[in-house]
Amino acid sequence: MSEARETMRLDKWLWQARFFKTRSRAAEIVGAGRVRVNSQPVSKPARAVGPGDVLTFPQARQVRVVRILALGTRRGPAPEAQALYDDLSPPETAPRAPANPAFDGSGRPGKRERRNMASQRPPDRA
């Protein structure tokens, strides 16, 4: 007789591996049909996955491809979560734009600039 393969719900594994902040967000992504297991589209969060399965799903602005190495027992710290999978995603090739542009000095003047402008103005005539 062959041993039964260890499996876990897809949404629960994505949450435990820290790909999504909440389990309901992981279930939402899976339910929308945006996750593939072994190149097959999946739309049910209760889909069983186990070691050896390859998952493809969007996360933020990139597509992640991971191979499941182990099933977790809890949602632990990041190093513990990273031991659950092998990242097969291609490295980013395009440089990322900075999140916030640097301040170039233009815009509304501060207190010091207003004082300097006031001292350079000719006196008011009464």
N, C-alpha and C. Protein backbone atom coordinates (compact mmCIF):
# COMPACT_ATOMS: atom_id res chain seq x y z
N MET A 1 0.83 -1.18 0.00
CA MET A 1 0.00 0.00 0.00
C MET A 1 0.88 1.25 0.00
N SER A 2 0.45 2.24 -0.73
CA SER A 2 1.21 3.49 -0.77
C SER A 2 0.72 4.44 0.31
N GLU A 3 1.65 5.22 0.82
CA GLU A 3 1.30 6.19 1.86
C GLU A 3 0.53 7.35 1.25
N ALA A 4 -0.39 7.90 2.00
CA ALA A 4 -1.13 9.07 1.55
C ALA A 4 -0.22 10.29 1.61
N ARG A 5 -0.32 11.10 0.60
CA ARG A 5 0.51 12.30 0.53
C ARG A 5 -0.02 13.35 1.50
N GLU A 6 0.89 14.01 2.21
CA GLU A 6 0.49 15.10 3.12
C GLU A 6 0.02 16.28 2.29
N THR A 7 -1.14 16.82 2.62
CA THR A 7 -1.66 17.97 1.89
C THR A 7 -2.22 19.00 2.86
N MET A 8 -2.47 20.20 2.31
CA MET A 8 -3.03 21.31 3.08
C MET A 8 -3.83 22.17 2.12
N ARG A 9 -4.79 22.91 2.64
CA ARG A 9 -5.56 23.85 1.81
C ARG A 9 -4.62 24.88 1.20
N LEU A 10 -4.88 25.23 -0.05
CA LEU A 10 -4.04 26.19 -0.76
C LEU A 10 -4.02 27.56 -0.08
N ASP A 11 -5.18 28.07 0.29
CA ASP A 11 -5.21 29.39 0.92
C ASP A 11 -4.47 29.40 2.26
N LYS A 12 -4.58 28.33 3.00
CA LYS A 12 -3.90 28.24 4.29
C LYS A 12 -2.39 28.19 4.09
N TRP A 13 -1.92 27.45 3.08
CA TRP A 13 -0.48 27.36 2.84
C TRP A 13 0.08 28.72 2.41
N LEU A 14 -0.63 29.42 1.52
CA LEU A 14 -0.17 30.75 1.07
C LEU A 14 -0.08 31.72 2.25
N TRP A 15 -1.01 31.61 3.18
CA TRP A 15 -1.00 32.48 4.37
C TRP A 15 0.14 32.10 5.30
N GLN A 16 0.34 30.78 5.55
CA GLN A 16 1.40 30.35 6.44
C GLN A 16 2.79 30.66 5.88
N ALA A 17 2.92 30.63 4.56
CA ALA A 17 4.21 30.93 3.93
C ALA A 17 4.42 32.44 3.80
N ARG A 18 3.49 33.22 4.34
CA ARG A 18 3.59 34.69 4.42
C ARG A 18 3.58 35.38 3.06
N PHE A 19 2.86 34.82 2.09
CA PHE A 19 2.71 35.50 0.80
C PHE A 19 1.58 36.52 0.89
N PHE A 20 0.60 36.27 1.77
CA PHE A 20 -0.51 37.19 1.96
C PHE A 20 -0.69 37.44 3.45
N LYS A 21 -1.10 38.67 3.77
CA LYS A 21 -1.19 39.08 5.16
C LYS A 21 -2.31 38.37 5.91
N THR A 22 -3.41 38.09 5.22
CA THR A 22 -4.52 37.41 5.87
C THR A 22 -4.92 36.18 5.04
N ARG A 23 -5.52 35.23 5.72
CA ARG A 23 -5.97 34.02 5.01
C ARG A 23 -7.14 34.35 4.09
N SER A 24 -7.97 35.30 4.49
CA SER A 24 -9.09 35.68 3.64
C SER A 24 -8.61 36.35 2.36
N ARG A 25 -7.50 37.10 2.42
CA ARG A 25 -6.92 37.71 1.20
C ARG A 25 -6.37 36.61 0.29
N ALA A 26 -5.75 35.60 0.85
CA ALA A 26 -5.25 34.47 0.06
C ALA A 26 -6.42 33.74 -0.60
N ALA A 27 -7.51 33.52 0.15
CA ALA A 27 -8.68 32.86 -0.40
C ALA A 27 -9.31 33.69 -1.52
N GLU A 28 -9.27 35.01 -1.36
CA GLU A 28 -9.81 35.93 -2.37
C GLU A 28 -9.05 35.80 -3.69
N ILE A 29 -7.73 35.77 -3.63
CA ILE A 29 -6.90 35.65 -4.82
C ILE A 29 -7.14 34.30 -5.50
N VAL A 30 -7.19 33.24 -4.70
CA VAL A 30 -7.42 31.91 -5.26
C VAL A 30 -8.82 31.84 -5.85
N GLY A 31 -9.82 32.35 -5.15
CA GLY A 31 -11.20 32.33 -5.63
C GLY A 31 -11.41 33.10 -6.91
N ALA A 32 -10.57 34.11 -7.14
CA ALA A 32 -10.66 34.89 -8.37
C ALA A 32 -10.02 34.17 -9.55
N GLY A 33 -9.44 33.01 -9.31
CA GLY A 33 -8.82 32.24 -10.39
C GLY A 33 -7.46 32.75 -10.81
N ARG A 34 -6.75 33.43 -9.92
CA ARG A 34 -5.46 34.02 -10.27
C ARG A 34 -4.28 33.17 -9.84
N VAL A 35 -4.54 31.96 -9.34
CA VAL A 35 -3.47 31.07 -8.89
C VAL A 35 -3.47 29.82 -9.78
N ARG A 36 -2.27 29.35 -10.12
CA ARG A 36 -2.12 28.11 -10.87
C ARG A 36 -1.33 27.12 -10.03
N VAL A 37 -1.78 25.87 -10.02
CA VAL A 37 -1.07 24.79 -9.34
C VAL A 37 -0.64 23.81 -10.41
N ASN A 38 0.67 23.65 -10.56
CA ASN A 38 1.23 22.78 -11.61
C ASN A 38 0.66 23.15 -12.98
N SER A 39 0.64 24.43 -13.28
CA SER A 39 0.19 25.00 -14.56
C SER A 39 -1.31 24.88 -14.81
N GLN A 40 -2.08 24.45 -13.84
CA GLN A 40 -3.53 24.33 -13.98
C GLN A 40 -4.21 25.43 -13.16
N PRO A 41 -5.09 26.23 -13.78
CA PRO A 41 -5.79 27.27 -13.02
C PRO A 41 -6.65 26.67 -11.91
N VAL A 42 -6.67 27.34 -10.77
CA VAL A 42 -7.43 26.88 -9.61
C VAL A 42 -8.34 28.01 -9.18
N SER A 43 -9.59 27.68 -8.82
CA SER A 43 -10.51 28.72 -8.36
C SER A 43 -11.13 28.37 -7.00
N LYS A 44 -10.67 27.29 -6.38
CA LYS A 44 -11.20 26.91 -5.07
C LYS A 44 -10.11 26.99 -4.01
N PRO A 45 -10.31 27.81 -2.98
CA PRO A 45 -9.31 27.95 -1.92
C PRO A 45 -9.03 26.65 -1.18
N ALA A 46 -9.96 25.70 -1.22
CA ALA A 46 -9.80 24.44 -0.50
C ALA A 46 -8.99 23.41 -1.29
N ARG A 47 -8.44 23.77 -2.44
CA ARG A 47 -7.65 22.86 -3.26
C ARG A 47 -6.47 22.36 -2.43
N ALA A 48 -6.26 21.05 -2.41
CA ALA A 48 -5.18 20.45 -1.61
C ALA A 48 -3.86 20.58 -2.35
N VAL A 49 -2.84 21.05 -1.66
CA VAL A 49 -1.49 21.14 -2.22
C VAL A 49 -0.52 20.46 -1.25
N GLY A 50 0.59 20.03 -1.79
CA GLY A 50 1.58 19.37 -0.96
C GLY A 50 2.98 19.58 -1.51
N PRO A 51 3.98 19.01 -0.85
CA PRO A 51 5.37 19.17 -1.31
C PRO A 51 5.52 18.69 -2.75
N GLY A 52 6.24 19.50 -3.54
CA GLY A 52 6.48 19.18 -4.94
C GLY A 52 5.60 19.95 -5.89
N ASP A 53 4.49 20.50 -5.41
CA ASP A 53 3.60 21.29 -6.27
C ASP A 53 4.25 22.64 -6.57
N VAL A 54 4.01 23.14 -7.80
CA VAL A 54 4.53 24.44 -8.21
C VAL A 54 3.36 25.40 -8.32
N LEU A 55 3.45 26.54 -7.61
CA LEU A 55 2.40 27.55 -7.60
C LEU A 55 2.84 28.77 -8.38
N THR A 56 1.92 29.35 -9.15
CA THR A 56 2.16 30.59 -9.87
C THR A 56 1.03 31.53 -9.51
N PHE A 57 1.36 32.73 -8.99
CA PHE A 57 0.34 33.68 -8.57
C PHE A 57 0.91 35.09 -8.57
N PRO A 58 0.03 36.10 -8.71
CA PRO A 58 0.49 37.48 -8.66
C PRO A 58 0.63 37.94 -7.21
N GLN A 59 1.67 38.73 -6.98
CA GLN A 59 1.86 39.34 -5.66
C GLN A 59 2.44 40.72 -5.88
N ALA A 60 1.74 41.72 -5.44
CA ALA A 60 2.11 43.12 -5.66
C ALA A 60 2.21 43.36 -7.17
N ARG A 61 3.36 43.74 -7.66
CA ARG A 61 3.51 44.03 -9.09
C ARG A 61 4.32 42.97 -9.84
N GLN A 62 4.46 41.82 -9.26
CA GLN A 62 5.23 40.76 -9.92
C GLN A 62 4.48 39.44 -9.85
N VAL A 63 4.88 38.50 -10.70
CA VAL A 63 4.31 37.16 -10.69
C VAL A 63 5.29 36.26 -9.96
N ARG A 64 4.81 35.56 -8.95
CA ARG A 64 5.66 34.67 -8.16
C ARG A 64 5.49 33.24 -8.64
N VAL A 65 6.58 32.51 -8.71
CA VAL A 65 6.58 31.08 -9.03
C VAL A 65 7.36 30.40 -7.92
N VAL A 66 6.69 29.52 -7.17
CA VAL A 66 7.33 28.85 -6.04
C VAL A 66 7.03 27.36 -6.07
N ARG A 67 7.99 26.58 -5.59
CA ARG A 67 7.80 25.14 -5.42
C ARG A 67 7.65 24.87 -3.93
N ILE A 68 6.61 24.15 -3.56
CA ILE A 68 6.36 23.82 -2.16
C ILE A 68 7.35 22.76 -1.71
N LEU A 69 8.10 23.05 -0.65
CA LEU A 69 9.05 22.10 -0.10
C LEU A 69 8.48 21.38 1.12
N ALA A 70 7.67 22.09 1.91
CA ALA A 70 7.12 21.51 3.14
C ALA A 70 5.82 22.19 3.48
N LEU A 71 5.06 21.54 4.35
CA LEU A 71 3.83 22.11 4.88
C LEU A 71 4.12 22.64 6.28
N GLY A 72 3.64 23.81 6.58
CA GLY A 72 3.88 24.38 7.90
C GLY A 72 2.86 23.90 8.92
N THR A 73 3.21 24.08 10.18
CA THR A 73 2.27 23.75 11.25
C THR A 73 1.67 25.01 11.86
N ARG A 74 2.31 26.16 11.58
CA ARG A 74 1.82 27.43 12.10
C ARG A 74 2.33 28.55 11.21
N ARG A 75 1.81 29.76 11.41
CA ARG A 75 2.30 30.92 10.68
C ARG A 75 3.38 31.55 11.55
N GLY A 76 4.59 31.08 11.39
CA GLY A 76 5.69 31.53 12.22
C GLY A 76 6.44 32.71 11.64
N PRO A 77 7.64 32.95 12.14
CA PRO A 77 8.45 34.06 11.65
C PRO A 77 8.91 33.85 10.21
N ALA A 78 9.40 34.91 9.59
CA ALA A 78 9.78 34.87 8.18
C ALA A 78 10.79 33.78 7.85
N PRO A 79 11.86 33.58 8.62
CA PRO A 79 12.80 32.51 8.27
C PRO A 79 12.15 31.12 8.25
N GLU A 80 11.22 30.91 9.16
CA GLU A 80 10.50 29.64 9.18
C GLU A 80 9.60 29.50 7.95
N ALA A 81 8.97 30.60 7.54
CA ALA A 81 8.10 30.59 6.37
C ALA A 81 8.90 30.39 5.09
N GLN A 82 10.09 30.97 5.00
CA GLN A 82 10.92 30.84 3.79
C GLN A 82 11.43 29.43 3.60
N ALA A 83 11.45 28.63 4.66
CA ALA A 83 11.89 27.24 4.55
C ALA A 83 10.80 26.36 3.94
N LEU A 84 9.59 26.90 3.77
CA LEU A 84 8.49 26.11 3.23
C LEU A 84 8.48 26.04 1.70
N TYR A 85 9.26 26.91 1.03
CA TYR A 85 9.20 26.97 -0.43
C TYR A 85 10.55 27.29 -1.04
N ASP A 86 10.64 27.01 -2.35
CA ASP A 86 11.81 27.36 -3.14
C ASP A 86 11.34 28.36 -4.19
N ASP A 87 11.91 29.56 -4.21
CA ASP A 87 11.46 30.61 -5.12
C ASP A 87 12.05 30.38 -6.50
N LEU A 88 11.19 30.19 -7.49
CA LEU A 88 11.61 29.96 -8.87
C LEU A 88 11.36 31.19 -9.74
N SER A 89 10.92 32.29 -9.16
CA SER A 89 10.60 33.50 -9.91
C SER A 89 11.84 34.05 -10.58
N PRO A 90 11.70 34.53 -11.82
CA PRO A 90 12.85 35.17 -12.47
C PRO A 90 13.19 36.47 -11.76
N PRO A 91 14.47 36.83 -11.71
CA PRO A 91 14.84 38.08 -11.05
C PRO A 91 14.29 39.28 -11.82
N GLU A 92 14.04 40.35 -11.10
CA GLU A 92 13.52 41.56 -11.73
C GLU A 92 14.60 42.16 -12.62
N THR A 93 14.23 42.53 -13.85
CA THR A 93 15.20 43.10 -14.77
C THR A 93 15.07 44.61 -14.87
N ALA A 94 13.86 45.12 -14.73
CA ALA A 94 13.66 46.56 -14.84
C ALA A 94 13.94 47.22 -13.50
N PRO A 95 14.62 48.37 -13.52
CA PRO A 95 14.86 49.08 -12.25
C PRO A 95 13.54 49.63 -11.72
N ARG A 96 13.41 49.61 -10.43
CA ARG A 96 12.20 50.11 -9.79
C ARG A 96 12.28 51.62 -9.60
N ALA A 97 11.16 52.27 -9.77
CA ALA A 97 11.09 53.70 -9.54
C ALA A 97 11.04 53.93 -8.02
N PRO A 98 11.61 55.02 -7.54
CA PRO A 98 11.55 55.28 -6.10
C PRO A 98 10.10 55.45 -5.66
N ALA A 99 9.81 55.03 -4.45
CA ALA A 99 8.45 55.09 -3.94
C ALA A 99 7.97 56.54 -3.84
N ASN A 100 8.81 57.42 -3.32
CA ASN A 100 8.47 58.83 -3.20
C ASN A 100 9.56 59.66 -3.86
N PRO A 101 9.20 60.63 -4.69
CA PRO A 101 10.23 61.45 -5.30
C PRO A 101 10.95 62.29 -4.26
N ALA A 102 12.21 62.59 -4.51
CA ALA A 102 13.00 63.41 -3.59
C ALA A 102 12.51 64.85 -3.65
N PHE A 103 12.60 65.54 -2.52
CA PHE A 103 12.18 66.94 -2.46
C PHE A 103 13.22 67.80 -3.16
N ASP A 104 12.78 68.60 -4.13
CA ASP A 104 13.71 69.40 -4.91
C ASP A 104 13.76 70.86 -4.46
N GLY A 105 13.06 71.19 -3.39
CA GLY A 105 13.11 72.55 -2.88
C GLY A 105 12.00 73.44 -3.40
N SER A 106 11.27 72.99 -4.41
CA SER A 106 10.18 73.81 -4.92
C SER A 106 8.94 73.57 -4.07
N GLY A 107 7.96 74.41 -4.27
CA GLY A 107 6.73 74.26 -3.50
C GLY A 107 6.58 75.40 -2.52
N ARG A 108 5.79 75.19 -1.53
CA ARG A 108 5.50 76.23 -0.55
C ARG A 108 6.74 76.53 0.28
N PRO A 109 7.08 77.82 0.46
CA PRO A 109 8.27 78.15 1.25
C PRO A 109 8.07 77.90 2.73
N GLY A 110 9.14 77.55 3.39
CA GLY A 110 9.12 77.34 4.83
C GLY A 110 9.32 78.65 5.57
N LYS A 111 9.40 78.56 6.88
CA LYS A 111 9.51 79.76 7.71
C LYS A 111 10.78 80.55 7.39
N ARG A 112 11.90 79.86 7.25
CA ARG A 112 13.18 80.53 6.97
C ARG A 112 13.12 81.25 5.61
N GLU A 113 12.56 80.57 4.58
CA GLU A 113 12.47 81.21 3.26
C GLU A 113 11.58 82.44 3.29
N ARG A 114 10.48 82.39 4.06
CA ARG A 114 9.59 83.55 4.15
C ARG A 114 10.29 84.73 4.83
N ARG A 115 11.08 84.46 5.88
CA ARG A 115 11.83 85.54 6.54
C ARG A 115 12.84 86.15 5.59
N ASN A 116 13.54 85.31 4.82
CA ASN A 116 14.53 85.83 3.87
C ASN A 116 13.87 86.66 2.78
N MET A 117 12.69 86.23 2.31
CA MET A 117 11.99 87.01 1.28
C MET A 117 11.53 88.35 1.87
N ALA A 118 11.11 88.34 3.13
CA ALA A 118 10.64 89.57 3.76
C ALA A 118 11.78 90.56 3.95
N SER A 119 12.97 90.07 4.27
CA SER A 119 14.10 90.98 4.48
C SER A 119 14.62 91.55 3.16
N GLN A 120 14.37 90.91 2.04
CA GLN A 120 14.84 91.38 0.74
C GLN A 120 13.84 92.33 0.08
N ARG A 121 12.63 92.44 0.60
CA ARG A 121 11.60 93.28 0.04
C ARG A 121 11.87 94.74 0.43
N PRO A 122 11.55 95.65 -0.47
CA PRO A 122 11.69 97.07 -0.10
C PRO A 122 10.66 97.44 0.97
N PRO A 123 10.98 98.39 1.83
CA PRO A 123 10.05 98.76 2.92
C PRO A 123 8.76 99.33 2.35
N ASP A 124 7.68 99.12 3.09
CA ASP A 124 6.37 99.64 2.68
C ASP A 124 6.35 101.17 2.79
N ARG A 125 5.71 101.81 1.87
CA ARG A 125 5.58 103.26 1.93
C ARG A 125 4.25 103.60 2.59
N ALA A 126 4.31 104.49 3.49
CA ALA A 126 3.07 104.85 4.19
C ALA A 126 2.54 106.18 3.75
